[in-house]
């Protein structure tokens, strides 16, 4: 999965639709990566969610 640089640039500019697209494109990978570190599905989902929440705060 590759995220277009254009989407990332739009997220940096505060484009809410781009943020939603980034979330949709990378959610599973974020959870999978977190699971590889934590080895717990619930914790992995929580960490991924926290990461996206922090990104949304930085976006605003």
PDB file of N, CA and C in Angstrom:
ATOM      1  N   UNK A   1       0.841  -1.171   0.000  1.00  0.00           N
ATOM      2  CA  UNK A   1       0.000   0.000   0.000  1.00  0.00           C
ATOM      3  C   UNK A   1       0.886   1.233   0.000  1.00  0.00           C
ATOM      4  N   UNK A   2       0.641   2.078  -0.945  1.00  0.00           N
ATOM      5  CA  UNK A   2       1.378   3.335  -1.009  1.00  0.00           C
ATOM      6  C   UNK A   2       0.384   4.489  -0.979  1.00  0.00           C
ATOM      7  N   UNK A   3       0.667   5.450  -0.140  1.00  0.00           N
ATOM      8  CA  UNK A   3      -0.197   6.613  -0.028  1.00  0.00           C
ATOM      9  C   UNK A   3       0.403   7.711  -0.882  1.00  0.00           C
ATOM     10  N   UNK A   4      -0.416   8.266  -1.737  1.00  0.00           N
ATOM     11  CA  UNK A   4       0.055   9.307  -2.645  1.00  0.00           C
ATOM     12  C   UNK A   4       0.563  10.514  -1.858  1.00  0.00           C
ATOM     13  N   UNK A   5       1.675  11.046  -2.302  1.00  0.00           N
ATOM     14  CA  UNK A   5       2.255  12.223  -1.653  1.00  0.00           C
ATOM     15  C   UNK A   5       1.251  13.372  -1.633  1.00  0.00           C
ATOM     16  N   UNK A   6       0.430  13.440  -2.656  1.00  0.00           N
ATOM     17  CA  UNK A   6      -0.590  14.495  -2.760  1.00  0.00           C
ATOM     18  C   UNK A   6      -1.562  14.420  -1.583  1.00  0.00           C
ATOM     19  N   UNK A   7      -1.931  13.204  -1.165  1.00  0.00           N
ATOM     20  CA  UNK A   7      -2.838  13.042  -0.026  1.00  0.00           C
ATOM     21  C   UNK A   7      -2.170  13.547   1.244  1.00  0.00           C
ATOM     22  N   UNK A   8      -0.916  13.201   1.432  1.00  0.00           N
ATOM     23  CA  UNK A   8      -0.179  13.639   2.616  1.00  0.00           C
ATOM     24  C   UNK A   8      -0.050  15.159   2.644  1.00  0.00           C
ATOM     25  N   UNK A   9       0.231  15.754   1.506  1.00  0.00           N
ATOM     26  CA  UNK A   9       0.336  17.215   1.438  1.00  0.00           C
ATOM     27  C   UNK A   9      -0.994  17.867   1.792  1.00  0.00           C
ATOM     28  N   UNK A  10      -2.084  17.293   1.289  1.00  0.00           N
ATOM     29  CA  UNK A  10      -3.408  17.846   1.605  1.00  0.00           C
ATOM     30  C   UNK A  10      -3.728  17.705   3.085  1.00  0.00           C
ATOM     31  N   UNK A  11      -3.320  16.594   3.701  1.00  0.00           N
ATOM     32  CA  UNK A  11      -3.523  16.422   5.146  1.00  0.00           C
ATOM     33  C   UNK A  11      -2.766  17.517   5.893  1.00  0.00           C
ATOM     34  N   UNK A  12      -1.535  17.770   5.491  1.00  0.00           N
ATOM     35  CA  UNK A  12      -0.719  18.806   6.133  1.00  0.00           C
ATOM     36  C   UNK A  12      -1.338  20.191   5.996  1.00  0.00           C
ATOM     37  N   UNK A  13      -2.112  20.388   4.957  1.00  0.00           N
ATOM     38  CA  UNK A  13      -2.779  21.672   4.735  1.00  0.00           C
ATOM     39  C   UNK A  13      -4.133  21.756   5.434  1.00  0.00           C
ATOM     40  N   UNK A  14      -4.513  20.667   6.141  1.00  0.00           N
ATOM     41  CA  UNK A  14      -5.758  20.682   6.903  1.00  0.00           C
ATOM     42  C   UNK A  14      -6.980  20.207   6.149  1.00  0.00           C
ATOM     43  N   UNK A  15      -6.802  19.529   5.034  1.00  0.00           N
ATOM     44  CA  UNK A  15      -7.911  19.026   4.237  1.00  0.00           C
ATOM     45  C   UNK A  15      -8.539  17.818   4.930  1.00  0.00           C
ATOM     46  N   UNK A  16      -9.765  17.986   5.421  1.00  0.00           N
ATOM     47  CA  UNK A  16     -10.440  16.929   6.173  1.00  0.00           C
ATOM     48  C   UNK A  16     -10.706  15.692   5.313  1.00  0.00           C
ATOM     49  N   UNK A  17     -11.061  15.885   4.062  1.00  0.00           N
ATOM     50  CA  UNK A  17     -11.294  14.735   3.169  1.00  0.00           C
ATOM     51  C   UNK A  17     -10.011  13.938   2.975  1.00  0.00           C
ATOM     52  N   UNK A  18      -8.887  14.613   2.884  1.00  0.00           N
ATOM     53  CA  UNK A  18      -7.599  13.926   2.730  1.00  0.00           C
ATOM     54  C   UNK A  18      -7.278  13.137   3.997  1.00  0.00           C
ATOM     55  N   UNK A  19      -7.582  13.701   5.158  1.00  0.00           N
ATOM     56  CA  UNK A  19      -7.367  12.989   6.416  1.00  0.00           C
ATOM     57  C   UNK A  19      -8.197  11.710   6.439  1.00  0.00           C
ATOM     58  N   UNK A  20      -9.455  11.798   6.041  1.00  0.00           N
ATOM     59  CA  UNK A  20     -10.324  10.622   5.996  1.00  0.00           C
ATOM     60  C   UNK A  20      -9.781   9.578   5.022  1.00  0.00           C
ATOM     61  N   UNK A  21      -9.273  10.030   3.895  1.00  0.00           N
ATOM     62  CA  UNK A  21      -8.689   9.121   2.914  1.00  0.00           C
ATOM     63  C   UNK A  21      -7.432   8.456   3.482  1.00  0.00           C
ATOM     64  N   UNK A  22      -6.600   9.234   4.144  1.00  0.00           N
ATOM     65  CA  UNK A  22      -5.401   8.687   4.770  1.00  0.00           C
ATOM     66  C   UNK A  22      -5.781   7.631   5.813  1.00  0.00           C
ATOM     67  N   UNK A  23      -6.782   7.930   6.617  1.00  0.00           N
ATOM     68  CA  UNK A  23      -7.263   6.983   7.622  1.00  0.00           C
ATOM     69  C   UNK A  23      -7.723   5.692   6.957  1.00  0.00           C
ATOM     70  N   UNK A  24      -8.555   5.824   5.935  1.00  0.00           N
ATOM     71  CA  UNK A  24      -9.102   4.658   5.242  1.00  0.00           C
ATOM     72  C   UNK A  24      -7.993   3.810   4.618  1.00  0.00           C
ATOM     73  N   UNK A  25      -7.000   4.457   4.045  1.00  0.00           N
ATOM     74  CA  UNK A  25      -5.920   3.750   3.363  1.00  0.00           C
ATOM     75  C   UNK A  25      -4.912   3.107   4.317  1.00  0.00           C
ATOM     76  N   UNK A  26      -4.766   3.654   5.513  1.00  0.00           N
ATOM     77  CA  UNK A  26      -3.679   3.180   6.367  1.00  0.00           C
ATOM     78  C   UNK A  26      -4.108   2.553   7.690  1.00  0.00           C
ATOM     79  N   UNK A  27      -5.407   2.501   7.972  1.00  0.00           N
ATOM     80  CA  UNK A  27      -5.875   1.952   9.248  1.00  0.00           C
ATOM     81  C   UNK A  27      -5.378   0.528   9.479  1.00  0.00           C
ATOM     82  N   UNK A  28      -5.604  -0.352   8.531  1.00  0.00           N
ATOM     83  CA  UNK A  28      -5.227  -1.751   8.713  1.00  0.00           C
ATOM     84  C   UNK A  28      -3.720  -1.904   8.925  1.00  0.00           C
ATOM     85  N   UNK A  29      -2.936  -1.164   8.183  1.00  0.00           N
ATOM     86  CA  UNK A  29      -1.486  -1.238   8.335  1.00  0.00           C
ATOM     87  C   UNK A  29      -1.058  -0.711   9.706  1.00  0.00           C
ATOM     88  N   UNK A  30      -1.702   0.336  10.175  1.00  0.00           N
ATOM     89  CA  UNK A  30      -1.370   0.886  11.495  1.00  0.00           C
ATOM     90  C   UNK A  30      -1.678  -0.133  12.591  1.00  0.00           C
ATOM     91  N   UNK A  31      -2.822  -0.797  12.486  1.00  0.00           N
ATOM     92  CA  UNK A  31      -3.189  -1.815  13.477  1.00  0.00           C
ATOM     93  C   UNK A  31      -2.232  -3.004  13.386  1.00  0.00           C
ATOM     94  N   UNK A  32      -1.937  -3.441  12.181  1.00  0.00           N
ATOM     95  CA  UNK A  32      -1.038  -4.594  11.982  1.00  0.00           C
ATOM     96  C   UNK A  32       0.361  -4.296  12.557  1.00  0.00           C
ATOM     97  N   UNK A  33       0.875  -3.121  12.288  1.00  0.00           N
ATOM     98  CA  UNK A  33       2.196  -2.749  12.807  1.00  0.00           C
ATOM     99  C   UNK A  33       2.182  -2.689  14.330  1.00  0.00           C
ATOM    100  N   UNK A  34       1.134  -2.114  14.882  1.00  0.00           N
ATOM    101  CA  UNK A  34       1.000  -2.048  16.339  1.00  0.00           C
ATOM    102  C   UNK A  34       0.900  -3.447  16.941  1.00  0.00           C
ATOM    103  N   UNK A  35       0.172  -4.326  16.272  1.00  0.00           N
ATOM    104  CA  UNK A  35       0.026  -5.700  16.771  1.00  0.00           C
ATOM    105  C   UNK A  35       1.372  -6.420  16.775  1.00  0.00           C
ATOM    106  N   UNK A  36       2.186  -6.187  15.751  1.00  0.00           N
ATOM    107  CA  UNK A  36       3.495  -6.835  15.699  1.00  0.00           C
ATOM    108  C   UNK A  36       4.365  -6.438  16.891  1.00  0.00           C
ATOM    109  N   UNK A  37       4.160  -5.243  17.400  1.00  0.00           N
ATOM    110  CA  UNK A  37       4.924  -4.774  18.554  1.00  0.00           C
ATOM    111  C   UNK A  37       4.285  -5.257  19.862  1.00  0.00           C
ATOM    112  N   UNK A  38       2.967  -5.131  19.964  1.00  0.00           N
ATOM    113  CA  UNK A  38       2.271  -5.377  21.229  1.00  0.00           C
ATOM    114  C   UNK A  38       1.752  -6.807  21.406  1.00  0.00           C
ATOM    115  N   UNK A  39       1.479  -7.492  20.308  1.00  0.00           N
ATOM    116  CA  UNK A  39       0.930  -8.858  20.327  1.00  0.00           C
ATOM    117  C   UNK A  39      -0.404  -8.940  21.072  1.00  0.00           C
ATOM    118  N   UNK A  40      -1.194  -7.878  20.955  1.00  0.00           N
ATOM    119  CA  UNK A  40      -2.518  -7.849  21.562  1.00  0.00           C
ATOM    120  C   UNK A  40      -3.416  -7.008  20.662  1.00  0.00           C
ATOM    121  N   UNK A  41      -4.482  -7.612  20.151  1.00  0.00           N
ATOM    122  CA  UNK A  41      -5.329  -6.947  19.167  1.00  0.00           C
ATOM    123  C   UNK A  41      -5.995  -5.689  19.722  1.00  0.00           C
ATOM    124  N   UNK A  42      -6.551  -5.794  20.923  1.00  0.00           N
ATOM    125  CA  UNK A  42      -7.229  -4.639  21.512  1.00  0.00           C
ATOM    126  C   UNK A  42      -6.256  -3.470  21.702  1.00  0.00           C
ATOM    127  N   UNK A  43      -5.099  -3.759  22.264  1.00  0.00           N
ATOM    128  CA  UNK A  43      -4.095  -2.711  22.476  1.00  0.00           C
ATOM    129  C   UNK A  43      -3.622  -2.125  21.148  1.00  0.00           C
ATOM    130  N   UNK A  44      -3.455  -2.980  20.142  1.00  0.00           N
ATOM    131  CA  UNK A  44      -3.008  -2.508  18.827  1.00  0.00           C
ATOM    132  C   UNK A  44      -4.017  -1.545  18.220  1.00  0.00           C
ATOM    133  N   UNK A  45      -5.295  -1.876  18.323  1.00  0.00           N
ATOM    134  CA  UNK A  45      -6.331  -0.984  17.795  1.00  0.00           C
ATOM    135  C   UNK A  45      -6.363   0.329  18.564  1.00  0.00           C
ATOM    136  N   UNK A  46      -6.174   0.253  19.870  1.00  0.00           N
ATOM    137  CA  UNK A  46      -6.186   1.466  20.692  1.00  0.00           C
ATOM    138  C   UNK A  46      -5.007   2.377  20.350  1.00  0.00           C
ATOM    139  N   UNK A  47      -3.835   1.793  20.166  1.00  0.00           N
ATOM    140  CA  UNK A  47      -2.652   2.581  19.801  1.00  0.00           C
ATOM    141  C   UNK A  47      -2.835   3.222  18.433  1.00  0.00           C
ATOM    142  N   UNK A  48      -3.363   2.461  17.487  1.00  0.00           N
ATOM    143  CA  UNK A  48      -3.596   3.010  16.149  1.00  0.00           C
ATOM    144  C   UNK A  48      -4.595   4.165  16.222  1.00  0.00           C
ATOM    145  N   UNK A  49      -5.656   3.977  16.988  1.00  0.00           N
ATOM    146  CA  UNK A  49      -6.660   5.035  17.139  1.00  0.00           C
ATOM    147  C   UNK A  49      -6.038   6.278  17.777  1.00  0.00           C
ATOM    148  N   UNK A  50      -5.258   6.079  18.812  1.00  0.00           N
ATOM    149  CA  UNK A  50      -4.591   7.219  19.462  1.00  0.00           C
ATOM    150  C   UNK A  50      -3.694   7.970  18.483  1.00  0.00           C
ATOM    151  N   UNK A  51      -3.016   7.227  17.637  1.00  0.00           N
ATOM    152  CA  UNK A  51      -2.130   7.856  16.651  1.00  0.00           C
ATOM    153  C   UNK A  51      -2.915   8.732  15.693  1.00  0.00           C
ATOM    154  N   UNK A  52      -4.042   8.232  15.215  1.00  0.00           N
ATOM    155  CA  UNK A  52      -4.855   9.028  14.296  1.00  0.00           C
ATOM    156  C   UNK A  52      -5.471  10.229  15.007  1.00  0.00           C
ATOM    157  N   UNK A  53      -5.833  10.070  16.259  1.00  0.00           N
ATOM    158  CA  UNK A  53      -6.365  11.208  17.015  1.00  0.00           C
ATOM    159  C   UNK A  53      -5.302  12.289  17.181  1.00  0.00           C
ATOM    160  N   UNK A  54      -4.077  11.888  17.482  1.00  0.00           N
ATOM    161  CA  UNK A  54      -2.993  12.863  17.627  1.00  0.00           C
ATOM    162  C   UNK A  54      -2.732  13.572  16.304  1.00  0.00           C
ATOM    163  N   UNK A  55      -2.805  12.826  15.219  1.00  0.00           N
ATOM    164  CA  UNK A  55      -2.634  13.449  13.904  1.00  0.00           C
ATOM    165  C   UNK A  55      -3.732  14.468  13.634  1.00  0.00           C
ATOM    166  N   UNK A  56      -4.951  14.146  14.014  1.00  0.00           N
ATOM    167  CA  UNK A  56      -6.053  15.085  13.784  1.00  0.00           C
ATOM    168  C   UNK A  56      -5.881  16.349  14.617  1.00  0.00           C
ATOM    169  N   UNK A  57      -5.318  16.234  15.809  1.00  0.00           N
ATOM    170  CA  UNK A  57      -5.065  17.405  16.651  1.00  0.00           C
ATOM    171  C   UNK A  57      -3.979  18.265  16.010  1.00  0.00           C
ATOM    172  N   UNK A  58      -2.938  17.631  15.496  1.00  0.00           N
ATOM    173  CA  UNK A  58      -1.865  18.363  14.831  1.00  0.00           C
ATOM    174  C   UNK A  58      -2.378  19.044  13.576  1.00  0.00           C
ATOM    175  N   UNK A  59      -3.347  18.423  12.942  1.00  0.00           N
ATOM    176  CA  UNK A  59      -3.914  18.965  11.709  1.00  0.00           C
ATOM    177  C   UNK A  59      -4.615  20.291  11.958  1.00  0.00           C
ATOM    178  N   UNK A  60      -5.223  20.433  13.122  1.00  0.00           N
ATOM    179  CA  UNK A  60      -5.990  21.654  13.433  1.00  0.00           C
ATOM    180  C   UNK A  60      -5.135  22.675  14.031  1.00  0.00           C
TER     181      UNK A  60
END
